[in-house]
Amino acid sequence: MDPKVQRFLAQPHRLEMMAGGPRPLVYFPDVRIDYADGTTEIVEVKNTEQELSDPDYAEKLAGAGAVYKALGWGFRVAVAEEEIEIDPIYSNAKAVCADRFALIVRPAVLAIEERFHIDNEVALGKAEEIVAEAARIPLERATAILRAMMCTRRVAVDPRRRIHRDSPVTKPEEAVGSRRRSSGI
């Protein structure tokens, strides 16, 4: 939902590191985030700081951090109780992702892209009206299509602010190396 994110993967790979013992340290990162600007970040998520106190686990994280640094990737540990704000991001994501499989019809895509040629942003309520009129569908269906378009990076809203009819809808920046057709579906 964040227009800066091109791809988000949960437990994306297995990393094995030799640390002087008979067995390798095995690490499964929680999240891999590929950003539209071409950078990659690995994030380890823990509920509390106390979960990081095990010395073997700290060694594993240090080794993983060195591997990711050598790859040119970012690496960080996010402690949920300190960093993660649930709302409004969670409620926005829940509402938007509920419609992620809505069929995105060509008239909706063309109408929104045409509007972005005129204005850099449009209020969500107006975007819904544009889609409904262009696709000749009810407003509720237009809302679902716009939400699916958010999930596929055809349009963007700020997920850190509560989404409402006046929320600005923008065209996300093209991802580095993106080959998506401008008006394709």
N, C-alpha and C. Protein backbone atom coordinates (compact mmCIF):
# COMPACT_ATOMS: atom_id res chain seq x y z
N MET A 1 0.81 -1.18 0.00
CA MET A 1 0.00 0.00 0.00
C MET A 1 0.86 1.26 0.00
N ASP A 2 2.05 1.16 0.55
CA ASP A 2 2.97 2.30 0.54
C ASP A 2 3.55 2.43 -0.86
N PRO A 3 3.37 3.57 -1.51
CA PRO A 3 3.84 3.70 -2.88
C PRO A 3 5.36 3.61 -3.03
N LYS A 4 6.09 3.75 -1.93
CA LYS A 4 7.54 3.64 -2.00
C LYS A 4 8.00 2.17 -2.05
N VAL A 5 7.08 1.26 -1.70
CA VAL A 5 7.40 -0.16 -1.65
C VAL A 5 6.98 -0.84 -2.94
N GLN A 6 7.95 -1.48 -3.59
CA GLN A 6 7.64 -2.21 -4.81
C GLN A 6 7.24 -3.65 -4.49
N ARG A 7 7.93 -4.26 -3.51
CA ARG A 7 7.64 -5.65 -3.15
C ARG A 7 7.93 -5.84 -1.67
N PHE A 8 7.10 -6.67 -1.03
CA PHE A 8 7.20 -6.95 0.40
C PHE A 8 7.10 -8.46 0.55
N LEU A 9 8.13 -9.07 1.13
CA LEU A 9 8.13 -10.53 1.28
C LEU A 9 8.32 -10.91 2.75
N ALA A 10 7.49 -11.84 3.22
CA ALA A 10 7.63 -12.36 4.58
C ALA A 10 8.53 -13.59 4.54
N GLN A 11 9.46 -13.69 5.47
CA GLN A 11 10.44 -14.77 5.55
C GLN A 11 10.93 -15.15 4.15
N PRO A 12 11.66 -14.22 3.51
CA PRO A 12 11.99 -14.37 2.09
C PRO A 12 13.06 -15.40 1.74
N HIS A 13 13.91 -15.77 2.71
CA HIS A 13 14.98 -16.71 2.40
C HIS A 13 15.58 -17.28 3.69
N ARG A 14 16.44 -18.25 3.49
CA ARG A 14 17.19 -18.88 4.58
C ARG A 14 18.65 -18.46 4.41
N LEU A 15 19.25 -18.02 5.48
CA LEU A 15 20.65 -17.60 5.46
C LEU A 15 21.43 -18.52 6.40
N GLU A 16 22.49 -19.17 5.88
CA GLU A 16 23.34 -20.01 6.71
C GLU A 16 24.72 -19.37 6.80
N MET A 17 25.23 -19.23 8.03
CA MET A 17 26.52 -18.57 8.26
C MET A 17 27.39 -19.45 9.15
N MET A 18 28.63 -19.66 8.75
CA MET A 18 29.57 -20.41 9.58
C MET A 18 30.15 -19.46 10.62
N ALA A 19 30.12 -19.90 11.86
CA ALA A 19 30.58 -19.03 12.95
C ALA A 19 31.60 -19.72 13.83
N GLY A 20 32.35 -20.67 13.28
CA GLY A 20 33.39 -21.33 14.07
C GLY A 20 32.93 -22.61 14.73
N GLY A 21 31.66 -22.86 14.81
CA GLY A 21 31.16 -24.09 15.43
C GLY A 21 30.95 -25.16 14.38
N PRO A 22 30.52 -26.34 14.84
CA PRO A 22 30.34 -27.44 13.89
C PRO A 22 29.14 -27.24 12.96
N ARG A 23 28.20 -26.44 13.39
CA ARG A 23 26.99 -26.21 12.60
C ARG A 23 26.88 -24.74 12.22
N PRO A 24 26.31 -24.49 11.07
CA PRO A 24 26.12 -23.08 10.70
C PRO A 24 25.01 -22.43 11.52
N LEU A 25 25.11 -21.12 11.66
CA LEU A 25 24.00 -20.36 12.24
C LEU A 25 22.96 -20.21 11.12
N VAL A 26 21.74 -20.57 11.40
CA VAL A 26 20.68 -20.49 10.41
C VAL A 26 19.75 -19.35 10.80
N TYR A 27 19.48 -18.50 9.83
CA TYR A 27 18.66 -17.31 10.10
C TYR A 27 17.61 -17.15 9.00
N PHE A 28 16.38 -16.94 9.41
CA PHE A 28 15.28 -16.63 8.51
C PHE A 28 14.81 -15.22 8.83
N PRO A 29 15.10 -14.23 7.98
CA PRO A 29 14.66 -12.87 8.29
C PRO A 29 13.13 -12.78 8.21
N ASP A 30 12.57 -11.85 8.96
CA ASP A 30 11.11 -11.70 8.99
C ASP A 30 10.58 -11.06 7.71
N VAL A 31 11.24 -10.00 7.24
CA VAL A 31 10.69 -9.22 6.13
C VAL A 31 11.80 -8.76 5.19
N ARG A 32 11.52 -8.81 3.90
CA ARG A 32 12.37 -8.17 2.89
C ARG A 32 11.50 -7.14 2.19
N ILE A 33 12.01 -5.91 2.13
CA ILE A 33 11.28 -4.84 1.46
C ILE A 33 12.14 -4.35 0.29
N ASP A 34 11.59 -4.44 -0.91
CA ASP A 34 12.23 -3.88 -2.09
C ASP A 34 11.53 -2.56 -2.39
N TYR A 35 12.28 -1.48 -2.35
CA TYR A 35 11.70 -0.15 -2.55
C TYR A 35 11.73 0.23 -4.03
N ALA A 36 10.86 1.15 -4.40
CA ALA A 36 10.74 1.61 -5.78
C ALA A 36 12.04 2.26 -6.26
N ASP A 37 12.84 2.80 -5.34
CA ASP A 37 14.09 3.45 -5.74
C ASP A 37 15.23 2.46 -6.00
N GLY A 38 14.94 1.15 -5.87
CA GLY A 38 15.94 0.13 -6.15
C GLY A 38 16.66 -0.40 -4.92
N THR A 39 16.43 0.17 -3.75
CA THR A 39 17.10 -0.30 -2.53
C THR A 39 16.32 -1.46 -1.92
N THR A 40 17.03 -2.23 -1.11
CA THR A 40 16.43 -3.38 -0.42
C THR A 40 16.74 -3.27 1.07
N GLU A 41 15.76 -3.62 1.89
CA GLU A 41 15.95 -3.60 3.34
C GLU A 41 15.41 -4.91 3.92
N ILE A 42 16.19 -5.48 4.83
CA ILE A 42 15.75 -6.65 5.59
C ILE A 42 15.39 -6.15 7.00
N VAL A 43 14.23 -6.59 7.49
CA VAL A 43 13.77 -6.15 8.81
C VAL A 43 13.47 -7.38 9.67
N GLU A 44 14.06 -7.41 10.83
CA GLU A 44 13.76 -8.42 11.83
C GLU A 44 12.80 -7.77 12.82
N VAL A 45 11.66 -8.39 13.06
CA VAL A 45 10.63 -7.79 13.91
C VAL A 45 10.53 -8.58 15.22
N LYS A 46 10.62 -7.88 16.32
CA LYS A 46 10.47 -8.48 17.64
C LYS A 46 9.43 -7.70 18.43
N ASN A 47 8.72 -8.39 19.31
CA ASN A 47 7.69 -7.72 20.09
C ASN A 47 8.28 -6.82 21.17
N THR A 48 9.34 -7.32 21.83
CA THR A 48 9.96 -6.55 22.92
C THR A 48 11.48 -6.57 22.79
N GLU A 49 12.11 -5.63 23.43
CA GLU A 49 13.58 -5.54 23.46
C GLU A 49 14.18 -6.77 24.14
N GLN A 50 13.46 -7.33 25.10
CA GLN A 50 13.95 -8.49 25.86
C GLN A 50 14.24 -9.68 24.93
N GLU A 51 13.52 -9.80 23.83
CA GLU A 51 13.73 -10.92 22.91
C GLU A 51 15.11 -10.87 22.25
N LEU A 52 15.78 -9.74 22.35
CA LEU A 52 17.10 -9.58 21.72
C LEU A 52 18.25 -9.89 22.68
N SER A 53 17.95 -10.30 23.92
CA SER A 53 18.99 -10.45 24.95
C SER A 53 19.80 -11.74 24.85
N ASP A 54 19.37 -12.72 24.11
CA ASP A 54 20.11 -13.99 23.97
C ASP A 54 21.39 -13.75 23.19
N PRO A 55 22.57 -14.07 23.76
CA PRO A 55 23.85 -13.81 23.07
C PRO A 55 23.99 -14.58 21.74
N ASP A 56 23.48 -15.81 21.65
CA ASP A 56 23.55 -16.56 20.40
C ASP A 56 22.71 -15.88 19.32
N TYR A 57 21.57 -15.37 19.73
CA TYR A 57 20.70 -14.68 18.78
C TYR A 57 21.35 -13.37 18.33
N ALA A 58 21.99 -12.67 19.26
CA ALA A 58 22.69 -11.43 18.92
C ALA A 58 23.82 -11.72 17.92
N GLU A 59 24.53 -12.84 18.10
CA GLU A 59 25.59 -13.22 17.16
C GLU A 59 25.01 -13.50 15.78
N LYS A 60 23.87 -14.17 15.76
CA LYS A 60 23.21 -14.48 14.49
C LYS A 60 22.80 -13.19 13.77
N LEU A 61 22.25 -12.23 14.51
CA LEU A 61 21.83 -10.96 13.92
C LEU A 61 23.04 -10.17 13.42
N ALA A 62 24.13 -10.19 14.17
CA ALA A 62 25.34 -9.48 13.74
C ALA A 62 25.88 -10.09 12.45
N GLY A 63 25.90 -11.41 12.37
CA GLY A 63 26.36 -12.07 11.14
C GLY A 63 25.46 -11.75 9.96
N ALA A 64 24.16 -11.79 10.18
CA ALA A 64 23.22 -11.47 9.11
C ALA A 64 23.40 -10.03 8.66
N GLY A 65 23.58 -9.12 9.62
CA GLY A 65 23.80 -7.71 9.28
C GLY A 65 25.03 -7.53 8.40
N ALA A 66 26.10 -8.29 8.69
CA ALA A 66 27.32 -8.19 7.88
C ALA A 66 27.09 -8.71 6.46
N VAL A 67 26.34 -9.79 6.33
CA VAL A 67 26.03 -10.34 5.00
C VAL A 67 25.22 -9.34 4.19
N TYR A 68 24.19 -8.77 4.81
CA TYR A 68 23.33 -7.83 4.07
C TYR A 68 24.09 -6.54 3.72
N LYS A 69 24.99 -6.12 4.60
CA LYS A 69 25.80 -4.94 4.29
C LYS A 69 26.69 -5.20 3.07
N ALA A 70 27.25 -6.41 3.01
CA ALA A 70 28.09 -6.77 1.86
C ALA A 70 27.28 -6.79 0.56
N LEU A 71 26.00 -7.09 0.66
CA LEU A 71 25.12 -7.09 -0.52
C LEU A 71 24.65 -5.68 -0.88
N GLY A 72 24.92 -4.72 0.01
CA GLY A 72 24.44 -3.36 -0.22
C GLY A 72 22.99 -3.17 0.21
N TRP A 73 22.49 -4.05 1.06
CA TRP A 73 21.12 -3.98 1.57
C TRP A 73 21.12 -3.38 2.96
N GLY A 74 20.04 -2.74 3.32
CA GLY A 74 19.86 -2.26 4.68
C GLY A 74 19.41 -3.41 5.57
N PHE A 75 19.69 -3.30 6.86
CA PHE A 75 19.26 -4.31 7.83
C PHE A 75 18.96 -3.60 9.13
N ARG A 76 17.81 -3.92 9.70
CA ARG A 76 17.49 -3.33 11.01
C ARG A 76 16.56 -4.25 11.79
N VAL A 77 16.54 -4.04 13.09
CA VAL A 77 15.63 -4.75 13.98
C VAL A 77 14.58 -3.75 14.41
N ALA A 78 13.32 -4.12 14.21
CA ALA A 78 12.21 -3.27 14.64
C ALA A 78 11.57 -3.91 15.87
N VAL A 79 11.51 -3.14 16.95
CA VAL A 79 10.88 -3.62 18.18
C VAL A 79 9.47 -3.04 18.20
N ALA A 80 8.49 -3.92 18.11
CA ALA A 80 7.10 -3.50 17.94
C ALA A 80 6.63 -2.54 19.03
N GLU A 81 6.97 -2.82 20.27
CA GLU A 81 6.47 -1.97 21.35
C GLU A 81 7.04 -0.55 21.27
N GLU A 82 8.15 -0.36 20.56
CA GLU A 82 8.76 0.96 20.44
C GLU A 82 8.47 1.64 19.11
N GLU A 83 8.36 0.87 18.03
CA GLU A 83 8.36 1.45 16.69
C GLU A 83 7.04 1.40 15.94
N ILE A 84 6.28 0.36 16.15
CA ILE A 84 5.16 0.10 15.26
C ILE A 84 3.87 0.71 15.80
N GLU A 85 3.34 1.66 15.05
CA GLU A 85 2.03 2.24 15.37
C GLU A 85 0.99 1.48 14.58
N ILE A 86 0.03 0.95 15.26
CA ILE A 86 -0.96 0.11 14.61
C ILE A 86 -1.94 0.94 13.77
N ASP A 87 -2.47 2.00 14.33
CA ASP A 87 -3.45 2.79 13.59
C ASP A 87 -2.90 4.15 13.26
N PRO A 88 -3.26 4.70 12.13
CA PRO A 88 -4.28 4.23 11.19
C PRO A 88 -3.77 3.27 10.13
N ILE A 89 -2.49 2.90 10.16
CA ILE A 89 -1.94 2.07 9.10
C ILE A 89 -2.68 0.73 9.00
N TYR A 90 -2.90 0.09 10.13
CA TYR A 90 -3.54 -1.23 10.10
C TYR A 90 -4.95 -1.14 9.54
N SER A 91 -5.75 -0.20 10.03
CA SER A 91 -7.13 -0.11 9.54
C SER A 91 -7.16 0.29 8.07
N ASN A 92 -6.24 1.15 7.63
CA ASN A 92 -6.17 1.50 6.20
C ASN A 92 -5.81 0.26 5.37
N ALA A 93 -4.79 -0.46 5.81
CA ALA A 93 -4.35 -1.64 5.06
C ALA A 93 -5.45 -2.69 5.01
N LYS A 94 -6.14 -2.87 6.10
CA LYS A 94 -7.22 -3.86 6.15
C LYS A 94 -8.33 -3.49 5.16
N ALA A 95 -8.71 -2.23 5.12
CA ALA A 95 -9.78 -1.79 4.20
C ALA A 95 -9.32 -1.89 2.75
N VAL A 96 -8.13 -1.41 2.47
CA VAL A 96 -7.63 -1.42 1.09
C VAL A 96 -7.40 -2.85 0.60
N CYS A 97 -6.76 -3.66 1.41
CA CYS A 97 -6.43 -5.02 0.98
C CYS A 97 -7.66 -5.91 0.85
N ALA A 98 -8.76 -5.55 1.47
CA ALA A 98 -10.00 -6.32 1.31
C ALA A 98 -10.45 -6.34 -0.15
N ASP A 99 -10.08 -5.31 -0.91
CA ASP A 99 -10.48 -5.22 -2.32
C ASP A 99 -9.32 -5.46 -3.28
N ARG A 100 -8.23 -6.06 -2.81
CA ARG A 100 -7.04 -6.21 -3.64
C ARG A 100 -7.27 -7.05 -4.90
N PHE A 101 -8.30 -7.90 -4.89
CA PHE A 101 -8.56 -8.74 -6.06
C PHE A 101 -9.69 -8.20 -6.93
N ALA A 102 -10.16 -6.99 -6.65
CA ALA A 102 -11.20 -6.40 -7.50
C ALA A 102 -10.68 -6.28 -8.92
N LEU A 103 -11.53 -6.54 -9.88
CA LEU A 103 -11.13 -6.46 -11.28
C LEU A 103 -10.92 -5.00 -11.66
N ILE A 104 -9.71 -4.68 -12.10
CA ILE A 104 -9.37 -3.32 -12.53
C ILE A 104 -9.67 -3.24 -14.03
N VAL A 105 -10.68 -2.47 -14.37
CA VAL A 105 -11.10 -2.39 -15.77
C VAL A 105 -10.37 -1.25 -16.48
N ARG A 106 -10.14 -1.44 -17.78
CA ARG A 106 -9.37 -0.49 -18.58
C ARG A 106 -9.93 0.94 -18.51
N PRO A 107 -11.25 1.16 -18.62
CA PRO A 107 -11.74 2.54 -18.55
C PRO A 107 -11.36 3.26 -17.25
N ALA A 108 -11.30 2.51 -16.15
CA ALA A 108 -10.91 3.10 -14.86
C ALA A 108 -9.45 3.55 -14.90
N VAL A 109 -8.58 2.68 -15.42
CA VAL A 109 -7.15 3.00 -15.50
C VAL A 109 -6.93 4.22 -16.39
N LEU A 110 -7.56 4.21 -17.56
CA LEU A 110 -7.39 5.31 -18.51
C LEU A 110 -7.90 6.63 -17.94
N ALA A 111 -9.04 6.58 -17.27
CA ALA A 111 -9.62 7.82 -16.71
C ALA A 111 -8.74 8.41 -15.62
N ILE A 112 -8.20 7.56 -14.75
CA ILE A 112 -7.32 8.07 -13.68
C ILE A 112 -6.01 8.58 -14.26
N GLU A 113 -5.43 7.86 -15.21
CA GLU A 113 -4.19 8.33 -15.82
C GLU A 113 -4.40 9.65 -16.54
N GLU A 114 -5.53 9.79 -17.20
CA GLU A 114 -5.84 11.06 -17.88
C GLU A 114 -5.94 12.18 -16.85
N ARG A 115 -6.56 11.91 -15.72
CA ARG A 115 -6.69 12.93 -14.67
C ARG A 115 -5.32 13.32 -14.13
N PHE A 116 -4.42 12.35 -13.99
CA PHE A 116 -3.08 12.65 -13.49
C PHE A 116 -2.28 13.50 -14.48
N HIS A 117 -2.66 13.49 -15.74
CA HIS A 117 -2.00 14.38 -16.71
C HIS A 117 -2.43 15.83 -16.48
N ILE A 118 -3.61 16.02 -15.88
CA ILE A 118 -4.14 17.36 -15.60
C ILE A 118 -3.70 17.84 -14.23
N ASP A 119 -3.88 16.98 -13.22
CA ASP A 119 -3.55 17.31 -11.83
C ASP A 119 -2.63 16.24 -11.26
N ASN A 120 -1.70 16.64 -10.41
CA ASN A 120 -0.80 15.68 -9.77
C ASN A 120 -1.50 14.86 -8.70
N GLU A 121 -2.58 15.39 -8.17
CA GLU A 121 -3.34 14.65 -7.17
C GLU A 121 -4.81 15.00 -7.29
N VAL A 122 -5.63 14.10 -6.80
CA VAL A 122 -7.08 14.29 -6.81
C VAL A 122 -7.62 13.69 -5.51
N ALA A 123 -8.65 14.30 -4.96
CA ALA A 123 -9.25 13.78 -3.73
C ALA A 123 -9.86 12.41 -4.00
N LEU A 124 -9.78 11.52 -3.02
CA LEU A 124 -10.28 10.16 -3.17
C LEU A 124 -11.73 10.14 -3.63
N GLY A 125 -12.57 10.97 -3.03
CA GLY A 125 -13.98 11.01 -3.42
C GLY A 125 -14.16 11.36 -4.88
N LYS A 126 -13.37 12.32 -5.37
CA LYS A 126 -13.43 12.70 -6.78
C LYS A 126 -12.90 11.58 -7.66
N ALA A 127 -11.83 10.91 -7.22
CA ALA A 127 -11.27 9.78 -7.98
C ALA A 127 -12.31 8.67 -8.11
N GLU A 128 -13.06 8.42 -7.04
CA GLU A 128 -14.12 7.41 -7.10
C GLU A 128 -15.18 7.80 -8.13
N GLU A 129 -15.54 9.08 -8.16
CA GLU A 129 -16.53 9.56 -9.14
C GLU A 129 -16.00 9.42 -10.56
N ILE A 130 -14.73 9.74 -10.77
CA ILE A 130 -14.11 9.63 -12.10
C ILE A 130 -14.15 8.18 -12.59
N VAL A 131 -13.78 7.25 -11.72
CA VAL A 131 -13.77 5.83 -12.08
C VAL A 131 -15.19 5.34 -12.33
N ALA A 132 -16.13 5.71 -11.46
CA ALA A 132 -17.52 5.27 -11.62
C ALA A 132 -18.09 5.75 -12.95
N GLU A 133 -17.84 7.00 -13.27
CA GLU A 133 -18.37 7.55 -14.53
C GLU A 133 -17.70 6.91 -15.74
N ALA A 134 -16.39 6.78 -15.71
CA ALA A 134 -15.66 6.23 -16.86
C ALA A 134 -16.02 4.77 -17.12
N ALA A 135 -16.17 3.98 -16.06
CA ALA A 135 -16.46 2.56 -16.20
C ALA A 135 -17.95 2.25 -16.18
N ARG A 136 -18.75 3.30 -15.93
CA ARG A 136 -20.23 3.15 -15.86
C ARG A 136 -20.62 2.09 -14.83
N ILE A 137 -20.12 2.30 -13.62
CA ILE A 137 -20.35 1.36 -12.52
C ILE A 137 -20.80 2.13 -11.29
N PRO A 138 -21.39 1.44 -10.31
CA PRO A 138 -21.77 2.11 -9.06
C PRO A 138 -20.53 2.62 -8.30
N LEU A 139 -20.74 3.62 -7.49
CA LEU A 139 -19.66 4.23 -6.71
C LEU A 139 -18.95 3.21 -5.82
N GLU A 140 -19.69 2.27 -5.22
CA GLU A 140 -19.08 1.27 -4.35
C GLU A 140 -18.09 0.40 -5.12
N ARG A 141 -18.44 0.07 -6.34
CA ARG A 141 -17.54 -0.73 -7.19
C ARG A 141 -16.31 0.09 -7.57
N ALA A 142 -16.51 1.38 -7.83
CA ALA A 142 -15.38 2.26 -8.15
C ALA A 142 -14.42 2.34 -6.97
N THR A 143 -14.95 2.37 -5.75
CA THR A 143 -14.11 2.39 -4.55
C THR A 143 -13.26 1.12 -4.49
N ALA A 144 -13.87 -0.03 -4.77
CA ALA A 144 -13.13 -1.30 -4.76
C ALA A 144 -12.03 -1.29 -5.82
N ILE A 145 -12.33 -0.77 -7.00
CA ILE A 145 -11.33 -0.72 -8.06
C ILE A 145 -10.17 0.18 -7.66
N LEU A 146 -10.47 1.33 -7.08
CA LEU A 146 -9.39 2.23 -6.64
C LEU A 146 -8.53 1.57 -5.58
N ARG A 147 -9.13 0.82 -4.68
CA ARG A 147 -8.34 0.13 -3.66
C ARG A 147 -7.43 -0.92 -4.29
N ALA A 148 -7.96 -1.65 -5.27
CA ALA A 148 -7.12 -2.62 -5.99
C ALA A 148 -5.99 -1.90 -6.72
N MET A 149 -6.28 -0.72 -7.25
CA MET A 149 -5.25 0.07 -7.93
C MET A 149 -4.18 0.54 -6.94
N MET A 150 -4.56 0.76 -5.68
CA MET A 150 -3.56 1.09 -4.65
C MET A 150 -2.64 -0.10 -4.41
N CYS A 151 -3.21 -1.30 -4.38
CA CYS A 151 -2.42 -2.50 -4.13
C CYS A 151 -1.47 -2.83 -5.28
N THR A 152 -1.81 -2.40 -6.48
CA THR A 152 -0.98 -2.70 -7.65
C THR A 152 -0.13 -1.50 -8.07
N ARG A 153 -0.06 -0.48 -7.22
CA ARG A 153 0.78 0.71 -7.44
C ARG A 153 0.37 1.52 -8.67
N ARG A 154 -0.91 1.50 -9.03
CA ARG A 154 -1.39 2.36 -10.11
C ARG A 154 -1.78 3.73 -9.56
N VAL A 155 -2.21 3.75 -8.30
CA VAL A 155 -2.48 5.00 -7.59
C VAL A 155 -1.91 4.85 -6.18
N ALA A 156 -1.76 5.98 -5.49
CA ALA A 156 -1.19 5.93 -4.15
C ALA A 156 -1.93 6.88 -3.21
N VAL A 157 -2.00 6.47 -1.96
CA VAL A 157 -2.46 7.33 -0.87
C VAL A 157 -1.43 7.18 0.25
N ASP A 158 -1.41 8.10 1.18
CA ASP A 158 -0.48 8.02 2.31
C ASP A 158 -1.09 7.07 3.34
N PRO A 159 -0.51 5.89 3.55
CA PRO A 159 -1.10 4.93 4.48
C PRO A 159 -0.97 5.33 5.94
N ARG A 160 -0.14 6.36 6.22
CA ARG A 160 0.06 6.79 7.61
C ARG A 160 -1.02 7.74 8.09
N ARG A 161 -1.89 8.17 7.17
CA ARG A 161 -3.00 9.06 7.54
C ARG A 161 -4.30 8.33 7.26
N ARG A 162 -5.28 8.54 8.12
CA ARG A 162 -6.57 7.89 7.94
C ARG A 162 -7.12 8.24 6.55
N ILE A 163 -7.55 7.22 5.81
CA ILE A 163 -8.06 7.42 4.46
C ILE A 163 -9.53 7.82 4.53
N HIS A 164 -9.85 8.93 3.85
CA HIS A 164 -11.24 9.42 3.78
C HIS A 164 -11.44 10.06 2.42
N ARG A 165 -12.63 10.57 2.15
CA ARG A 165 -12.98 11.10 0.82
C ARG A 165 -12.07 12.23 0.36
N ASP A 166 -11.49 12.99 1.30
CA ASP A 166 -10.62 14.11 0.93
C ASP A 166 -9.14 13.72 0.83
N SER A 167 -8.83 12.45 1.10
CA SER A 167 -7.42 12.01 1.03
C SER A 167 -6.88 12.21 -0.38
N PRO A 168 -5.68 12.76 -0.50
CA PRO A 168 -5.09 12.94 -1.83
C PRO A 168 -4.67 11.61 -2.44
N VAL A 169 -5.07 11.41 -3.68
CA VAL A 169 -4.67 10.24 -4.45
C VAL A 169 -3.67 10.74 -5.49
N THR A 170 -2.54 10.08 -5.59
CA THR A 170 -1.48 10.49 -6.52
C THR A 170 -1.06 9.30 -7.37
N LYS A 171 -0.28 9.60 -8.39
CA LYS A 171 0.32 8.55 -9.20
C LYS A 171 1.67 8.23 -8.56
N PRO A 172 1.92 6.97 -8.22
CA PRO A 172 3.21 6.65 -7.60
C PRO A 172 4.35 6.81 -8.59
N GLU A 173 5.53 7.10 -8.07
CA GLU A 173 6.72 7.18 -8.92
C GLU A 173 6.99 5.80 -9.48
N GLU A 174 7.49 5.77 -10.72
CA GLU A 174 7.84 4.49 -11.34
C GLU A 174 8.96 3.83 -10.55
N ALA A 175 8.85 2.55 -10.38
CA ALA A 175 9.88 1.78 -9.69
C ALA A 175 11.11 1.68 -10.60
N VAL A 176 12.27 1.64 -9.99
CA VAL A 176 13.52 1.48 -10.74
C VAL A 176 13.45 0.15 -11.48
N GLY A 177 13.69 0.19 -12.78
CA GLY A 177 13.66 -1.03 -13.58
C GLY A 177 12.26 -1.51 -13.93
N SER A 178 11.24 -0.70 -13.65
CA SER A 178 9.86 -1.10 -13.91
C SER A 178 9.61 -1.17 -15.40
N ARG A 179 8.86 -2.18 -15.80
CA ARG A 179 8.51 -2.35 -17.21
C ARG A 179 7.00 -2.25 -17.40
N ARG A 180 6.28 -1.80 -16.39
CA ARG A 180 4.81 -1.75 -16.48
C ARG A 180 4.39 -0.80 -17.59
N ARG A 181 3.45 -1.23 -18.38
CA ARG A 181 2.91 -0.38 -19.43
C ARG A 181 2.14 0.76 -18.79
N SER A 182 2.18 1.92 -19.42
CA SER A 182 1.57 3.10 -18.82
C SER A 182 0.07 2.97 -18.67
N SER A 183 -0.63 2.36 -19.61
CA SER A 183 -2.07 2.25 -19.49
C SER A 183 -2.53 0.79 -19.55
N GLY A 184 -1.61 -0.13 -19.31
CA GLY A 184 -1.96 -1.55 -19.36
C GLY A 184 -2.69 -1.98 -18.12
N ILE A 185 -3.28 -3.12 -18.24
CA ILE A 185 -4.00 -3.67 -17.08
C ILE A 185 -3.35 -4.96 -16.65
